[in-house]
C-alpha atoms as a PDB file:
ATOM      1  CA  MET A   1      -7.173   4.113 -33.697  1.00  0.00           C
ATOM      2  CA  THR A   2      -3.736   5.034 -32.878  1.00  0.00           C
ATOM      3  CA  THR A   3      -2.675   7.509 -30.242  1.00  0.00           C
ATOM      4  CA  ARG A   4      -1.567  10.099 -32.704  1.00  0.00           C
ATOM      5  CA  SER A   5      -4.719   9.815 -34.718  1.00  0.00           C
ATOM      6  CA  ILE A   6      -6.815  10.375 -31.806  1.00  0.00           C
ATOM      7  CA  LEU A   7      -4.848  13.301 -30.481  1.00  0.00           C
ATOM      8  CA  ALA A   8      -4.990  15.010 -33.995  1.00  0.00           C
ATOM      9  CA  LEU A   9      -8.748  14.047 -33.981  1.00  0.00           C
ATOM     10  CA  CYS A  10      -9.022  15.934 -30.406  1.00  0.00           C
ATOM     11  CA  ILE A  11      -7.015  18.922 -31.721  1.00  0.00           C
ATOM     12  CA  VAL A  12      -9.341  19.549 -34.964  1.00  0.00           C
ATOM     13  CA  LEU A  13     -12.323  19.007 -32.760  1.00  0.00           C
ATOM     14  CA  ALA A  14     -11.475  21.540 -30.459  1.00  0.00           C
ATOM     15  CA  ALA A  15     -10.695  24.191 -33.273  1.00  0.00           C
ATOM     16  CA  LEU A  16     -14.248  23.545 -34.420  1.00  0.00           C
ATOM     17  CA  GLY A  17     -15.677  23.554 -31.160  1.00  0.00           C
ATOM     18  CA  TRP A  18     -14.173  26.927 -30.415  1.00  0.00           C
ATOM     19  CA  VAL A  19     -15.011  28.465 -33.650  1.00  0.00           C
ATOM     20  CA  GLY A  20     -18.498  26.958 -33.063  1.00  0.00           C
ATOM     21  CA  LEU A  21     -18.846  28.328 -29.562  1.00  0.00           C
ATOM     22  CA  GLY A  22     -17.777  31.654 -30.637  1.00  0.00           C
ATOM     23  CA  SER A  23     -20.016  31.908 -33.538  1.00  0.00           C
ATOM     24  CA  PHE A  24     -22.945  30.875 -31.249  1.00  0.00           C
ATOM     25  CA  THR A  25     -22.248  33.275 -28.606  1.00  0.00           C
ATOM     26  CA  TYR A  26     -21.742  36.048 -31.066  1.00  0.00           C
ATOM     27  CA  HIS A  27     -24.825  35.581 -33.072  1.00  0.00           C
ATOM     28  CA  ASN A  28     -27.308  34.633 -30.329  1.00  0.00           C
ATOM     29  CA  PRO A  29     -28.448  36.756 -27.335  1.00  0.00           C
ATOM     30  CA  PRO A  30     -27.651  35.477 -23.947  1.00  0.00           C
ATOM     31  CA  GLN A  31     -31.333  34.012 -23.039  1.00  0.00           C
ATOM     32  CA  ALA A  32     -31.885  30.985 -21.019  1.00  0.00           C
ATOM     33  CA  TRP A  33     -31.923  28.428 -23.538  1.00  0.00           C
ATOM     34  CA  ASN A  34     -29.198  29.871 -25.256  1.00  0.00           C
ATOM     35  CA  ARG A  35     -26.964  29.777 -21.966  1.00  0.00           C
ATOM     36  CA  TRP A  36     -27.624  26.082 -21.785  1.00  0.00           C
ATOM     37  CA  ILE A  37     -26.746  25.433 -25.456  1.00  0.00           C
ATOM     38  CA  ALA A  38     -23.541  27.133 -24.811  1.00  0.00           C
ATOM     39  CA  LEU A  39     -22.712  25.200 -21.776  1.00  0.00           C
ATOM     40  CA  ALA A  40     -23.427  22.218 -23.799  1.00  0.00           C
ATOM     41  CA  ILE A  41     -20.910  23.292 -26.561  1.00  0.00           C
ATOM     42  CA  LEU A  42     -18.365  23.984 -23.888  1.00  0.00           C
ATOM     43  CA  TRP A  43     -17.873  20.883 -22.225  1.00  0.00           C
ATOM     44  CA  PRO A  44     -16.889  18.792 -25.447  1.00  0.00           C
ATOM     45  CA  THR A  45     -14.845  21.590 -26.730  1.00  0.00           C
ATOM     46  CA  LEU A  46     -12.829  21.942 -23.211  1.00  0.00           C
ATOM     47  CA  VAL A  47     -12.638  17.963 -23.260  1.00  0.00           C
ATOM     48  CA  THR A  48     -10.934  17.992 -26.585  1.00  0.00           C
ATOM     49  CA  THR A  49      -8.901  21.000 -25.735  1.00  0.00           C
ATOM     50  CA  PHE A  50      -7.498  19.453 -22.335  1.00  0.00           C
ATOM     51  CA  VAL A  51      -6.819  15.795 -23.622  1.00  0.00           C
ATOM     52  CA  PRO A  52      -3.784  16.649 -25.798  1.00  0.00           C
ATOM     53  CA  LEU A  53      -2.556  19.054 -23.201  1.00  0.00           C
ATOM     54  CA  VAL A  54      -2.793  16.649 -20.455  1.00  0.00           C
ATOM     55  CA  TYR A  55      -1.123  13.693 -22.676  1.00  0.00           C
ATOM     56  CA  ALA A  56       1.560  16.063 -23.368  1.00  0.00           C
ATOM     57  CA  ALA A  57       2.060  16.734 -19.725  1.00  0.00           C
ATOM     58  CA  HIS A  58       2.012  13.071 -18.785  1.00  0.00           C
ATOM     59  CA  LEU A  59       4.723  12.294 -21.476  1.00  0.00           C
ATOM     60  CA  LEU A  60       6.827  15.142 -20.011  1.00  0.00           C
ATOM     61  CA  LEU A  61       6.523  13.467 -16.608  1.00  0.00           C
ATOM     62  CA  GLU A  62       7.666  10.179 -18.089  1.00  0.00           C
ATOM     63  CA  ARG A  63       4.494   7.992 -17.710  1.00  0.00           C
ATOM     64  CA  ARG A  64       4.071   5.626 -20.388  1.00  0.00           C
ATOM     65  CA  ASP A  65       1.436   3.078 -19.490  1.00  0.00           C
ATOM     66  CA  GLY A  66      -2.118   3.984 -20.121  1.00  0.00           C
ATOM     67  CA  VAL A  67      -1.607   7.687 -20.638  1.00  0.00           C
ATOM     68  CA  LEU A  68      -4.476   8.248 -22.994  1.00  0.00           C
ATOM     69  CA  ALA A  69      -6.803   7.034 -20.852  1.00  0.00           C
ATOM     70  CA  ARG A  70      -5.729   8.971 -17.986  1.00  0.00           C
ATOM     71  CA  ALA A  71      -5.350  11.801 -20.082  1.00  0.00           C
ATOM     72  CA  GLY A  72      -8.997  11.494 -21.220  1.00  0.00           C
ATOM     73  CA  ARG A  73     -10.341  11.116 -17.640  1.00  0.00           C
ATOM     74  CA  GLN A  74      -8.338  14.034 -16.615  1.00  0.00           C
ATOM     75  CA  GLY A  75      -9.338  16.295 -19.385  1.00  0.00           C
ATOM     76  CA  ALA A  76     -13.011  15.406 -18.793  1.00  0.00           C
ATOM     77  CA  LEU A  77     -12.742  16.252 -15.251  1.00  0.00           C
ATOM     78  CA  ALA A  78     -10.908  19.675 -15.812  1.00  0.00           C
ATOM     79  CA  ALA A  79     -13.591  20.337 -18.467  1.00  0.00           C
ATOM     80  CA  LEU A  80     -16.393  19.450 -16.101  1.00  0.00           C
ATOM     81  CA  PHE A  81     -14.966  21.607 -13.379  1.00  0.00           C
ATOM     82  CA  LEU A  82     -14.686  24.703 -15.532  1.00  0.00           C
ATOM     83  CA  THR A  83     -18.358  24.056 -17.137  1.00  0.00           C
ATOM     84  CA  LEU A  84     -19.634  23.895 -13.617  1.00  0.00           C
ATOM     85  CA  CYS A  85     -17.727  27.121 -12.726  1.00  0.00           C
ATOM     86  CA  ALA A  86     -19.166  28.902 -15.858  1.00  0.00           C
ATOM     87  CA  TRP A  87     -22.823  27.771 -15.023  1.00  0.00           C
ATOM     88  CA  LEU A  88     -22.292  28.837 -11.335  1.00  0.00           C
ATOM     89  CA  ARG A  89     -21.282  32.254 -12.436  1.00  0.00           C
ATOM     90  CA  MET A  90     -24.186  32.492 -14.887  1.00  0.00           C
ATOM     91  CA  ILE A  91     -26.371  32.146 -12.024  1.00  0.00           C
ATOM     92  CA  GLY A  92     -24.237  34.228  -9.366  1.00  0.00           C
ATOM     93  CA  ALA A  93     -23.294  31.341  -7.188  1.00  0.00           C
ATOM     94  CA  LEU A  94     -19.650  30.924  -7.744  1.00  0.00           C
ATOM     95  CA  ASN A  95     -17.500  31.832  -4.916  1.00  0.00           C
ATOM     96  CA  TRP A  96     -13.878  30.637  -3.442  1.00  0.00           C
ATOM     97  CA  ALA A  97     -15.903  28.089  -0.968  1.00  0.00           C
ATOM     98  CA  ASN A  98     -17.817  26.525  -3.946  1.00  0.00           C
ATOM     99  CA  ALA A  99     -14.451  26.492  -6.529  1.00  0.00           C
ATOM    100  CA  PHE A 100     -12.274  25.022  -3.711  1.00  0.00           C
ATOM    101  CA  LEU A 101     -14.938  22.240  -2.856  1.00  0.00           C
ATOM    102  CA  MET A 102     -15.256  21.445  -6.418  1.00  0.00           C
ATOM    103  CA  VAL A 103     -11.566  21.153  -7.050  1.00  0.00           C
ATOM    104  CA  THR A 104     -11.252  18.837  -3.806  1.00  0.00           C
ATOM    105  CA  LEU A 105     -14.128  16.633  -5.332  1.00  0.00           C
ATOM    106  CA  PHE A 106     -12.707  16.298  -8.586  1.00  0.00           C
ATOM    107  CA  VAL A 107      -9.205  15.728  -7.230  1.00  0.00           C
ATOM    108  CA  LEU A 108     -10.352  12.983  -4.859  1.00  0.00           C
ATOM    109  CA  THR A 109     -12.291  11.306  -7.686  1.00  0.00           C
ATOM    110  CA  ASP A 110      -9.415  11.205  -9.817  1.00  0.00           C
ATOM    111  CA  VAL A 111      -7.146   9.889  -7.017  1.00  0.00           C
ATOM    112  CA  LEU A 112      -9.821   7.175  -6.527  1.00  0.00           C
ATOM    113  CA  LEU A 113     -10.260   6.087  -9.983  1.00  0.00           C
ATOM    114  CA  ALA A 114      -6.351   6.184 -10.566  1.00  0.00           C
ATOM    115  CA  ALA A 115      -6.230   3.736  -7.411  1.00  0.00           C
ATOM    116  CA  ARG A 116      -8.846   1.495  -8.755  1.00  0.00           C
ATOM    117  CA  GLU A 117      -6.999   1.723 -12.341  1.00  0.00           C
ATOM    118  CA  SER A 118      -3.719   0.551 -10.815  1.00  0.00           C
ATOM    119  CA  LYS A 119      -4.645  -2.534  -9.080  1.00  0.00           C
END
């Protein structure tokens, strides 16, 4: 698949994911299983939302080699961060310290993976 078709597929899947997530949360009460299902829908929706955005940001910064793989990795990490924040908010454990530690962890993970990739 070409980069253009992958990005187009991401945009379509993101739109479908947001419609599905909105429909699911509108028609189902916030019970325990429904929260887990909503989180399971949220992560791939966020990934497919972030990949084209991060790809465009990398193109604006004039990075040309391996952009799609880097955008996929960074989109997945950002989606995981937001999904974990939503889960921590659901259980009442989200605070600034937890958010800062998670951001630090994900930034370090991305830096280490990028350093490994560049070798």
